[in-house]
Amino acid sequence: MKSKLLTFTLIATVITFFNCKQTEQINVDYKYSDQPEIFNCKIQNDQLIKEAIYSFENDLNEAYDKDNKGRGRAYSSFIGLTIGNRFNIEEVASKHSLQIAKALQQSSHYKNNVFSYNSELANCLFSSIKSANTKTSFEALRSANSLRPSVVLPTLRNNVNSFASDKSLVGILAFDYYYNSLMLLNEGQLKTPIAPAIENQKVDFNKTPQPTKRPISTDKQKLEATGHEGHNH
């Protein structure tokens, strides 16, 4: 009887611990609260959604456009790498974005770590797309349950020049192709991007210099040298 009671107590403790871990609240440091609002929709976690988009943009900009030549460049790089299955999120994502991803993981916008296209956030994103043609295309894909990466990513790439003014497209990219992968990582897996040092390279004074290779003289040059050595002017 004692054995059964002990087993029941242990199981109850494990379940309680698991539930506590599942419902543990993530505290997000809102760095972009002073930035302009993005959507007019009334949605849950609206400030978290805003923070997610600004942090996503900052991550891409740091990784692919440090010279600030244009946000389109950063998005094109991200989309191209994602299409080619060559995007390494741990080399791009910041700790701040990871914190946001963990908070999003607990929201109603995701189910089993997958962005829900039936969520109120998805409704907001699709209804807020500024281009009428693009909006119609996405709504048609959504109705047909055809929002596959092979269709969505090329469509977004074709509209990359609109990203600066249309954050709905940014949101689709961020929430379905960035944060859903990021929320599966932990802080220890993140890596700081290292840019190649081209200018102001440091010289290693302990390194032995390589001898300079001299051109090999031709037979003609050797003969001319011998001829000059034989004459005492």
Protein backbone atom coordinates (compact mmCIF):
# COMPACT_ATOMS: atom_id res chain seq x y z
CA MET A 1 0.00 0.00 0.00
CA LYS A 2 2.87 2.32 0.91
CA SER A 3 4.52 1.48 -2.40
CA LYS A 4 1.40 2.43 -4.35
CA LEU A 5 1.00 5.66 -2.38
CA LEU A 6 4.63 6.58 -3.01
CA THR A 7 4.24 5.89 -6.74
CA PHE A 8 1.07 8.01 -6.92
CA THR A 9 2.79 10.86 -5.07
CA LEU A 10 5.77 10.72 -7.42
CA ILE A 11 3.55 10.78 -10.51
CA ALA A 12 1.56 13.72 -9.12
CA THR A 13 4.78 15.60 -8.37
CA VAL A 14 6.11 15.03 -11.89
CA ILE A 15 2.82 16.17 -13.47
CA THR A 16 2.72 19.27 -11.28
CA PHE A 17 6.34 20.10 -12.12
CA PHE A 18 5.69 19.58 -15.83
CA ASN A 19 2.63 21.84 -15.78
CA CYS A 20 4.54 24.53 -13.93
CA LYS A 21 7.29 24.40 -16.54
CA GLN A 22 4.74 24.59 -19.31
CA THR A 23 3.02 27.65 -17.87
CA GLU A 24 6.17 29.44 -16.75
CA GLN A 25 5.84 33.06 -17.83
CA ILE A 26 8.53 34.55 -20.08
CA ASN A 27 9.47 38.12 -19.23
CA VAL A 28 10.33 40.10 -22.35
CA ASP A 29 12.47 43.22 -22.29
CA TYR A 30 10.63 45.55 -24.68
CA LYS A 31 13.37 47.44 -26.52
CA TYR A 32 11.16 48.78 -29.30
CA SER A 33 8.21 50.11 -27.31
CA ASP A 34 8.99 53.66 -28.48
CA GLN A 35 8.80 52.65 -32.16
CA PRO A 36 5.69 53.37 -34.27
CA GLU A 37 2.77 50.98 -33.98
CA ILE A 38 2.49 48.51 -36.84
CA PHE A 39 -1.08 47.20 -37.06
CA ASN A 40 -4.49 48.64 -36.35
CA CYS A 41 -5.90 45.22 -35.46
CA LYS A 42 -6.88 44.46 -31.89
CA ILE A 43 -5.03 41.27 -31.08
CA GLN A 44 -3.68 39.55 -28.00
CA ASN A 45 -0.05 40.22 -27.18
CA ASP A 46 -0.02 43.21 -29.53
CA GLN A 47 3.14 44.68 -27.96
CA LEU A 48 4.87 41.30 -28.19
CA ILE A 49 3.94 41.10 -31.88
CA LYS A 50 5.33 44.58 -32.47
CA GLU A 51 8.54 43.71 -30.60
CA ALA A 52 8.90 40.50 -32.62
CA ILE A 53 8.79 42.27 -35.97
CA TYR A 54 11.26 45.00 -35.01
CA SER A 55 13.67 42.48 -33.50
CA PHE A 56 13.39 40.25 -36.57
CA GLU A 57 14.25 43.20 -38.81
CA ASN A 58 17.20 44.11 -36.63
CA ASP A 59 18.58 40.54 -36.70
CA LEU A 60 18.44 40.39 -40.49
CA ASN A 61 19.92 43.83 -40.85
CA GLU A 62 22.85 42.94 -38.59
CA ALA A 63 23.49 39.72 -40.48
CA TYR A 64 22.99 40.77 -44.10
CA ASP A 65 22.98 44.56 -44.35
CA LYS A 66 25.32 46.14 -41.82
CA ASP A 67 26.07 48.92 -44.30
CA ASN A 68 22.37 49.78 -44.26
CA LYS A 69 22.04 49.75 -48.04
CA GLY A 70 18.39 48.77 -47.80
CA ARG A 71 16.13 46.34 -45.99
CA GLY A 72 15.27 44.62 -49.24
CA ARG A 73 18.80 43.28 -49.40
CA ALA A 74 18.54 41.62 -45.99
CA TYR A 75 15.14 40.07 -46.73
CA SER A 76 16.25 38.77 -50.11
CA SER A 77 19.23 37.06 -48.48
CA PHE A 78 17.06 35.49 -45.80
CA ILE A 79 14.42 34.27 -48.24
CA GLY A 80 17.00 32.89 -50.66
CA LEU A 81 18.81 30.97 -47.94
CA THR A 82 15.53 29.65 -46.54
CA ILE A 83 14.38 28.44 -49.96
CA GLY A 84 17.72 26.67 -50.43
CA ASN A 85 17.51 25.18 -46.93
CA ARG A 86 20.80 26.89 -46.08
CA PHE A 87 19.65 29.35 -43.42
CA ASN A 88 21.36 28.82 -40.05
CA ILE A 89 19.18 30.62 -37.55
CA GLU A 90 21.61 30.13 -34.67
CA GLU A 91 24.15 32.32 -36.51
CA VAL A 92 21.69 35.17 -37.02
CA ALA A 93 19.21 35.27 -34.13
CA SER A 94 19.85 37.53 -31.15
CA LYS A 95 19.21 36.60 -27.54
CA HIS A 96 16.43 39.17 -27.52
CA SER A 97 14.66 37.46 -30.42
CA LEU A 98 15.04 34.11 -28.67
CA GLN A 99 13.33 35.60 -25.61
CA ILE A 100 10.49 36.78 -27.85
CA ALA A 101 10.26 33.37 -29.52
CA LYS A 102 9.84 31.66 -26.16
CA ALA A 103 7.03 34.06 -25.28
CA LEU A 104 5.35 33.50 -28.65
CA GLN A 105 5.57 29.76 -28.07
CA GLN A 106 3.15 30.15 -25.18
CA SER A 107 0.72 32.33 -27.12
CA SER A 108 -2.44 31.31 -28.93
CA HIS A 109 -0.81 32.24 -32.24
CA TYR A 110 1.15 28.97 -32.27
CA LYS A 111 0.09 25.38 -31.93
CA ASN A 112 2.75 22.75 -31.29
CA ASN A 113 5.44 25.25 -32.32
CA VAL A 114 3.74 25.89 -35.66
CA PHE A 115 2.31 29.27 -36.64
CA SER A 116 -1.46 28.98 -36.88
CA TYR A 117 -2.96 30.48 -40.03
CA ASN A 118 -6.32 30.39 -38.27
CA SER A 119 -5.17 32.60 -35.39
CA GLU A 120 -6.25 36.19 -34.88
CA LEU A 121 -2.69 37.26 -35.66
CA ALA A 122 -2.88 35.54 -39.06
CA ASN A 123 -6.24 37.21 -39.69
CA CYS A 124 -4.67 40.56 -38.90
CA LEU A 125 -1.67 39.97 -41.16
CA PHE A 126 -3.70 38.93 -44.19
CA SER A 127 -6.32 41.63 -43.80
CA SER A 128 -3.63 44.32 -43.48
CA ILE A 129 -1.69 43.54 -46.69
CA LYS A 130 -1.59 46.81 -48.62
CA SER A 131 -1.31 45.55 -52.19
CA ALA A 132 -4.74 44.44 -53.40
CA ASN A 133 -3.30 41.85 -55.79
CA THR A 134 -0.95 40.38 -53.20
CA LYS A 135 -3.73 40.33 -50.62
CA THR A 136 -6.06 38.49 -53.02
CA SER A 137 -3.34 35.95 -53.82
CA PHE A 138 -2.63 35.18 -50.18
CA GLU A 139 -6.30 34.94 -49.26
CA ALA A 140 -6.85 32.51 -52.14
CA LEU A 141 -3.90 30.38 -51.01
CA ARG A 142 -5.17 30.45 -47.46
CA SER A 143 -8.68 29.41 -48.47
CA ALA A 144 -7.25 26.53 -50.49
CA ASN A 145 -5.00 25.51 -47.58
CA SER A 146 -2.03 25.94 -49.92
CA LEU A 147 0.26 28.19 -47.89
CA ARG A 148 3.27 26.00 -48.52
CA PRO A 149 6.86 27.32 -48.39
CA SER A 150 7.34 26.51 -52.10
CA VAL A 151 4.54 28.98 -52.86
CA VAL A 152 4.74 31.54 -50.05
CA LEU A 153 8.48 32.26 -50.11
CA PRO A 154 8.73 33.02 -53.86
CA THR A 155 5.64 35.23 -53.54
CA LEU A 156 7.24 37.15 -50.70
CA ARG A 157 10.52 37.45 -52.59
CA ASN A 158 8.66 39.00 -55.52
CA ASN A 159 7.26 41.61 -53.13
CA VAL A 160 10.44 42.30 -51.16
CA ASN A 161 10.52 45.96 -52.27
CA SER A 162 7.23 46.49 -50.44
CA PHE A 163 8.50 45.24 -47.09
CA ALA A 164 9.61 48.66 -45.88
CA SER A 165 6.05 49.98 -46.07
CA ASP A 166 4.06 46.76 -45.57
CA LYS A 167 4.81 45.07 -42.25
CA SER A 168 2.12 42.46 -42.89
CA LEU A 169 4.41 40.74 -45.36
CA VAL A 170 7.26 41.06 -42.88
CA GLY A 171 5.03 39.43 -40.27
CA ILE A 172 4.20 36.43 -42.44
CA LEU A 173 7.91 35.89 -43.03
CA ALA A 174 8.88 36.41 -39.39
CA PHE A 175 6.22 34.35 -37.65
CA ASP A 176 6.09 31.41 -40.04
CA TYR A 177 9.74 31.13 -41.11
CA TYR A 178 11.79 32.56 -38.26
CA TYR A 179 10.25 32.42 -34.82
CA ASN A 180 8.77 28.95 -35.21
CA SER A 181 12.32 27.61 -35.67
CA LEU A 182 13.92 29.90 -33.11
CA MET A 183 11.58 28.83 -30.30
CA LEU A 184 13.05 25.31 -30.50
CA LEU A 185 16.55 26.51 -29.57
CA ASN A 186 18.14 27.53 -26.29
CA GLU A 187 20.50 30.38 -25.56
CA GLY A 188 23.56 28.14 -25.56
CA GLN A 189 22.99 27.28 -29.21
CA LEU A 190 23.12 30.87 -30.43
CA LYS A 191 26.31 32.07 -32.11
CA THR A 192 27.49 35.62 -32.62
CA PRO A 193 27.86 36.36 -36.33
CA ILE A 194 31.49 37.05 -37.22
CA ALA A 195 32.04 39.38 -40.16
CA PRO A 196 35.18 38.78 -42.23
CA ALA A 197 37.86 41.34 -41.39
CA ILE A 198 39.02 42.93 -44.62
CA GLU A 199 40.46 46.25 -43.48
CA ASN A 200 42.81 47.01 -40.58
CA GLN A 201 44.03 43.45 -40.39
CA LYS A 202 46.48 42.78 -37.53
CA VAL A 203 49.99 41.61 -38.34
CA ASP A 204 51.30 38.53 -36.56
CA PHE A 205 54.89 39.48 -35.75
CA ASN A 206 55.64 35.97 -34.46
CA LYS A 207 54.96 34.43 -37.83
CA THR A 208 58.04 33.61 -39.91
CA PRO A 209 57.87 35.48 -43.21
CA GLN A 210 57.88 33.38 -46.34
CA PRO A 211 60.92 33.89 -48.60
CA THR A 212 60.26 35.88 -51.73
CA LYS A 213 60.35 33.77 -54.84
CA ARG A 214 62.68 35.15 -57.52
CA PRO A 215 62.08 34.58 -61.20
CA ILE A 216 64.23 31.88 -62.78
CA SER A 217 66.69 33.25 -65.33
CA THR A 218 66.39 32.05 -68.90
CA ASP A 219 69.28 30.54 -70.84
CA LYS A 220 69.64 33.79 -72.78
CA GLN A 221 69.96 35.81 -69.60
CA LYS A 222 72.59 33.38 -68.26
CA LEU A 223 74.65 33.67 -71.47
CA GLU A 224 74.49 37.44 -71.38
CA ALA A 225 75.58 37.44 -67.75
CA THR A 226 78.51 35.09 -68.56
CA GLY A 227 79.58 37.29 -71.48
CA HIS A 228 79.69 40.39 -69.30
CA GLU A 229 81.67 38.57 -66.61
CA GLY A 230 84.33 37.59 -69.21
CA HIS A 231 85.04 41.24 -70.16
CA ASN A 232 87.02 43.47 -67.87
CA HIS A 233 86.13 46.99 -68.91
